[in-house]
Protein backbone atom coordinates (compact mmCIF):
# COMPACT_ATOMS: atom_id res chain seq x y z
CA MET A 1 6.46 50.41 -70.28
CA GLU A 2 5.23 47.43 -72.23
CA LEU A 3 4.39 44.23 -70.35
CA LYS A 4 5.68 40.92 -71.62
CA GLU A 5 3.08 38.60 -73.14
CA THR A 6 2.36 35.38 -71.31
CA GLY A 7 2.30 32.03 -73.08
CA ARG A 8 -1.48 32.00 -72.80
CA GLN A 9 -1.74 35.41 -74.47
CA LYS A 10 0.61 34.34 -77.27
CA LYS A 11 -1.39 31.17 -77.96
CA PHE A 12 -4.70 33.03 -77.91
CA SER A 13 -3.48 35.86 -80.15
CA SER A 14 -2.05 33.33 -82.61
CA LEU A 15 -5.34 31.42 -82.72
CA LEU A 16 -7.34 34.64 -83.09
CA LYS A 17 -5.06 35.81 -85.93
CA LYS A 18 -5.47 32.49 -87.75
CA GLU A 19 -9.26 32.38 -87.36
CA LEU A 20 -9.73 36.01 -88.41
CA ALA A 21 -7.61 35.41 -91.49
CA HIS A 22 -9.88 32.51 -92.48
CA LEU A 23 -13.02 34.57 -91.82
CA PHE A 24 -11.78 37.52 -93.88
CA GLN A 25 -10.61 35.23 -96.68
CA ASP A 26 -14.04 33.59 -96.88
CA LEU A 27 -15.78 36.98 -96.75
CA LEU A 28 -13.65 38.38 -99.57
CA LYS A 29 -14.38 35.31 -101.71
CA LYS A 30 -18.10 35.53 -100.97
CA GLU A 31 -18.23 39.23 -101.84
CA LYS A 32 -16.09 38.63 -104.95
CA LYS A 33 -13.46 41.12 -103.79
CA ASP A 34 -10.60 39.29 -105.49
CA THR A 35 -8.87 42.60 -106.22
CA LEU A 36 -7.95 43.03 -102.54
CA ILE A 37 -5.22 41.50 -100.43
CA LEU A 38 -5.97 41.56 -96.72
CA SER A 39 -3.43 40.70 -94.04
CA ILE A 40 -3.79 40.42 -90.26
CA THR A 41 -0.44 41.89 -89.28
CA LYS A 42 -0.60 41.78 -85.49
CA VAL A 43 -2.91 40.79 -82.64
CA ILE A 44 -2.34 42.02 -79.09
CA VAL A 45 -4.47 40.48 -76.32
CA SER A 46 -5.00 41.87 -72.81
CA PRO A 47 -3.77 39.75 -69.88
CA ASP A 48 -7.32 38.64 -68.99
CA LEU A 49 -8.09 37.89 -72.69
CA SER A 50 -11.12 40.19 -72.62
CA LEU A 51 -9.76 42.72 -75.15
CA ALA A 52 -7.77 42.45 -78.34
CA LYS A 53 -6.19 44.98 -80.70
CA ILE A 54 -6.13 43.69 -84.24
CA TYR A 55 -3.96 45.33 -86.88
CA VAL A 56 -5.09 44.82 -90.47
CA SER A 57 -3.41 45.82 -93.74
CA ILE A 58 -5.43 46.06 -96.94
CA PHE A 59 -3.79 46.33 -100.34
CA PRO A 60 -5.19 46.40 -103.85
CA SER A 61 -4.11 43.39 -105.87
CA THR A 62 -1.74 44.19 -108.73
CA SER A 63 -2.42 40.95 -110.58
CA ASN A 64 -5.59 41.93 -112.43
CA ILE A 65 -5.67 39.35 -115.18
CA GLN A 66 -8.67 39.82 -117.44
CA HIS A 67 -10.02 36.99 -119.57
């Protein structure tokens, strides 16, 4: 039985998803990993906000344009 997320959990998971996306984007740029596409697909936060499950998808980029 899955519990319904509270408004607080939804706000926190949305913020966490957004911040992690920025962190990963910056890391990929810094490491010059422009051949990867990374997506935070889902974030589930516990009711007390102490734990989070983060689902990440990683795909190779198909747009390898060489100059």
